[in-house]
Amino acid sequence: MSLPEPLLRLIEQLQRLPGVGPKSAQRLAFHILKAPREDADRLIDAVRDVKERVTYCSACNNITDADPCEYCRNTDRDPHVICVVEEPQNVSVIEKTREFKGAYHVLMGALSPLQGIGPDDLKIKELLARVDHGVSEVILATNPNVEGEATAIYLARLLKPLGVKVTRIAMGVPVGSDLEYIDEVTMLKALEGRREV
């Protein structure tokens, strides 16, 4: 059965989304087709609204609909402590802890020579400029993978000569897991990051 051209175009566009394969795209397209017109219009409006109103904070690069973002505007936060993350969605993960009360800096990626992502492709110069304005500590909260580790090491080498305290988030055994399922690297990081109780 051949599908109408507009439906094929929708499936093709949905497939371009991360994590959406051909079958998922087809299921989504048929769901949109069967949904009431109002639901489809709300989806279209939401996508258009995101593209028109959401931008990046001029101070920290987080996503926002008001510049500067809510974290940079908040006078209760400590601007002398900056938590560096790879992507805007990482900020919300840290915020869920309700413990961090400093500022953020979003790099917009991680170093990855294999993918052609070098230091000039990230917001590193902007971070260094912020550190020059009285920052006392930079917390490196990049992902615990090869690219995140490389990025953290690279940033530490740039930041330490500036006289700022550079720390790295702890890594290791996740809460609620069994030791028998932990790989060697995770166990090594857990042993290295141990603390007195």
Protein backbone atom coordinates (compact mmCIF):
# COMPACT_ATOMS: atom_id res chain seq x y z
CA MET A 1 0.00 0.00 0.00
CA SER A 2 1.43 3.34 -0.99
CA LEU A 3 0.88 6.18 1.47
CA PRO A 4 -0.22 9.70 0.53
CA GLU A 5 2.67 12.07 -0.10
CA PRO A 6 1.91 14.38 2.91
CA LEU A 7 1.94 11.39 5.27
CA LEU A 8 5.22 10.16 3.78
CA ARG A 9 6.74 13.62 4.31
CA LEU A 10 5.59 13.62 7.95
CA ILE A 11 7.10 10.16 8.51
CA GLU A 12 10.34 11.30 6.89
CA GLN A 13 10.54 14.39 9.12
CA LEU A 14 9.72 12.44 12.29
CA GLN A 15 12.51 9.97 11.46
CA ARG A 16 14.98 12.83 11.61
CA LEU A 17 14.31 13.20 15.33
CA PRO A 18 16.86 11.50 17.63
CA GLY A 19 15.80 8.04 18.77
CA VAL A 20 12.92 7.81 16.28
CA GLY A 21 13.31 4.98 13.79
CA PRO A 22 11.14 4.19 10.77
CA LYS A 23 8.51 2.21 12.69
CA SER A 24 8.23 4.76 15.51
CA ALA A 25 7.97 7.58 12.95
CA GLN A 26 5.18 5.73 11.16
CA ARG A 27 3.32 5.11 14.45
CA LEU A 28 3.63 8.78 15.42
CA ALA A 29 2.50 9.93 11.98
CA PHE A 30 -0.60 7.71 12.08
CA HIS A 31 -1.33 8.91 15.62
CA ILE A 32 -1.19 12.53 14.45
CA LEU A 33 -3.38 11.64 11.48
CA LYS A 34 -6.03 10.04 13.72
CA ALA A 35 -5.88 12.75 16.43
CA PRO A 36 -8.40 15.60 16.40
CA ARG A 37 -7.36 18.63 14.35
CA GLU A 38 -7.07 20.68 17.58
CA ASP A 39 -4.40 18.31 18.95
CA ALA A 40 -2.37 18.62 15.75
CA ASP A 41 -2.75 22.41 15.84
CA ARG A 42 -1.52 22.50 19.46
CA LEU A 43 1.52 20.40 18.49
CA ILE A 44 2.27 22.72 15.56
CA ASP A 45 1.86 25.80 17.79
CA ALA A 46 4.15 24.30 20.47
CA VAL A 47 6.90 23.55 17.95
CA ARG A 48 6.58 27.01 16.38
CA ASP A 49 6.57 28.67 19.84
CA VAL A 50 9.76 26.87 20.85
CA LYS A 51 11.53 27.94 17.67
CA GLU A 52 10.35 31.56 17.98
CA ARG A 53 10.66 32.19 21.73
CA VAL A 54 13.33 29.89 23.18
CA THR A 55 16.91 31.05 22.87
CA TYR A 56 20.22 30.75 24.71
CA CYS A 57 21.19 32.84 27.72
CA SER A 58 23.85 35.39 26.81
CA ALA A 59 25.63 34.74 30.13
CA CYS A 60 25.58 30.96 30.64
CA ASN A 61 24.24 29.48 27.33
CA ASN A 62 21.32 27.74 29.05
CA ILE A 63 18.01 27.64 27.20
CA THR A 64 15.61 30.40 28.15
CA ASP A 65 12.68 32.46 26.98
CA ALA A 66 14.05 35.57 28.75
CA ASP A 67 17.65 36.77 28.52
CA PRO A 68 19.43 36.42 30.89
CA CYS A 69 17.96 33.13 32.12
CA GLU A 70 16.24 32.65 35.48
CA TYR A 71 19.43 31.27 37.10
CA CYS A 72 21.58 34.21 35.98
CA ARG A 73 18.91 36.72 37.12
CA ASN A 74 18.47 35.11 40.55
CA THR A 75 20.33 37.26 43.09
CA ASP A 76 20.14 34.47 45.69
CA ARG A 77 22.56 32.35 43.66
CA ASP A 78 26.33 32.57 44.20
CA PRO A 79 27.95 33.92 41.01
CA HIS A 80 31.42 33.02 42.35
CA VAL A 81 30.79 29.28 41.91
CA ILE A 82 30.18 28.04 38.36
CA CYS A 83 29.03 24.52 37.50
CA VAL A 84 30.10 23.60 33.96
CA VAL A 85 27.87 21.18 32.05
CA GLU A 86 27.85 19.92 28.48
CA GLU A 87 24.24 20.56 27.43
CA PRO A 88 21.29 22.67 28.64
CA GLN A 89 19.35 19.57 29.73
CA ASN A 90 22.15 18.82 32.23
CA VAL A 91 21.20 21.95 34.22
CA SER A 92 17.78 20.54 35.09
CA VAL A 93 19.36 17.32 36.36
CA ILE A 94 21.53 19.27 38.80
CA GLU A 95 18.64 21.53 39.77
CA LYS A 96 16.54 18.50 40.77
CA THR A 97 18.91 17.98 43.72
CA ARG A 98 17.93 21.41 45.12
CA GLU A 99 21.45 21.64 46.56
CA PHE A 100 23.49 23.66 44.07
CA LYS A 101 23.08 27.41 44.57
CA GLY A 102 25.74 28.73 42.20
CA ALA A 103 25.81 29.73 38.56
CA TYR A 104 25.97 27.54 35.46
CA HIS A 105 27.93 27.50 32.25
CA VAL A 106 26.78 25.32 29.35
CA LEU A 107 29.56 24.31 26.94
CA MET A 108 27.15 23.20 24.19
CA GLY A 109 28.92 19.88 23.76
CA ALA A 110 32.12 18.06 24.64
CA LEU A 111 35.48 17.65 22.97
CA SER A 112 35.31 14.87 20.40
CA PRO A 113 38.09 14.83 17.80
CA LEU A 114 36.49 11.85 16.04
CA GLN A 115 33.35 13.94 15.41
CA GLY A 116 35.37 17.04 14.58
CA ILE A 117 34.44 18.91 17.77
CA GLY A 118 37.39 20.91 19.08
CA PRO A 119 37.81 23.66 21.70
CA ASP A 120 36.70 26.39 19.29
CA ASP A 121 33.35 24.61 18.80
CA LEU A 122 32.49 24.88 22.51
CA LYS A 123 31.75 27.87 24.75
CA ILE A 124 35.18 27.71 26.43
CA LYS A 125 36.32 31.28 25.70
CA GLU A 126 33.11 32.56 27.31
CA LEU A 127 33.81 30.44 30.42
CA LEU A 128 37.34 31.82 30.71
CA ALA A 129 35.97 35.37 30.41
CA ARG A 130 33.50 34.70 33.25
CA VAL A 131 36.24 33.26 35.48
CA ASP A 132 38.18 36.53 35.13
CA HIS A 133 35.33 38.28 36.98
CA GLY A 134 35.91 36.97 40.52
CA VAL A 135 34.93 33.30 40.25
CA SER A 136 36.32 31.26 43.16
CA GLU A 137 35.38 27.72 42.08
CA VAL A 138 34.54 25.93 38.85
CA ILE A 139 32.80 22.57 39.20
CA LEU A 140 33.31 20.36 36.16
CA ALA A 141 30.12 18.34 35.71
CA THR A 142 30.77 16.87 32.28
CA ASN A 143 29.55 13.36 31.47
CA PRO A 144 31.54 10.39 32.78
CA ASN A 145 32.50 9.14 29.31
CA VAL A 146 35.60 9.53 27.15
CA GLU A 147 34.53 12.88 25.68
CA GLY A 148 33.39 14.27 29.05
CA GLU A 149 36.63 13.21 30.76
CA ALA A 150 38.74 14.72 27.98
CA THR A 151 36.76 17.96 28.23
CA ALA A 152 37.15 18.09 32.02
CA ILE A 153 40.93 17.52 31.80
CA TYR A 154 41.27 20.15 29.08
CA LEU A 155 39.27 22.72 31.08
CA ALA A 156 41.20 21.98 34.28
CA ARG A 157 44.47 22.68 32.46
CA LEU A 158 43.12 26.03 31.25
CA LEU A 159 41.51 27.06 34.54
CA LYS A 160 44.11 26.14 37.19
CA PRO A 161 46.69 28.74 36.04
CA LEU A 162 43.98 31.39 36.56
CA GLY A 163 44.05 30.72 40.31
CA VAL A 164 40.52 29.35 40.52
CA LYS A 165 39.63 26.20 42.47
CA VAL A 166 38.72 23.47 39.97
CA THR A 167 36.68 20.48 41.17
CA ARG A 168 35.10 17.50 39.41
CA ILE A 169 31.80 15.86 40.33
CA ALA A 170 32.21 12.49 42.03
CA MET A 171 31.60 9.36 40.01
CA GLY A 172 31.19 5.76 40.92
CA VAL A 173 28.65 3.22 42.08
CA PRO A 174 25.05 4.41 41.62
CA VAL A 175 22.71 4.28 44.61
CA GLY A 176 20.47 1.22 44.56
CA SER A 177 22.72 -0.94 42.41
CA ASP A 178 24.52 -4.21 43.18
CA LEU A 179 28.32 -4.32 43.15
CA GLU A 180 28.33 -7.48 41.04
CA TYR A 181 26.99 -5.48 38.07
CA ILE A 182 29.52 -2.63 38.29
CA ASP A 183 32.24 -2.47 35.63
CA GLU A 184 35.94 -1.97 36.48
CA VAL A 185 36.13 1.71 35.48
CA THR A 186 33.08 2.62 37.58
CA MET A 187 34.51 0.73 40.55
CA LEU A 188 37.89 2.45 40.10
CA LYS A 189 36.19 5.88 40.10
CA ALA A 190 34.21 4.92 43.21
CA LEU A 191 37.39 3.92 45.04
CA GLU A 192 39.21 7.07 43.94
CA GLY A 193 36.29 9.28 45.06
CA ARG A 194 35.82 7.64 48.46
CA ARG A 195 35.37 9.88 51.50
CA GLU A 196 35.51 9.50 55.23
CA VAL A 197 32.27 8.64 57.06
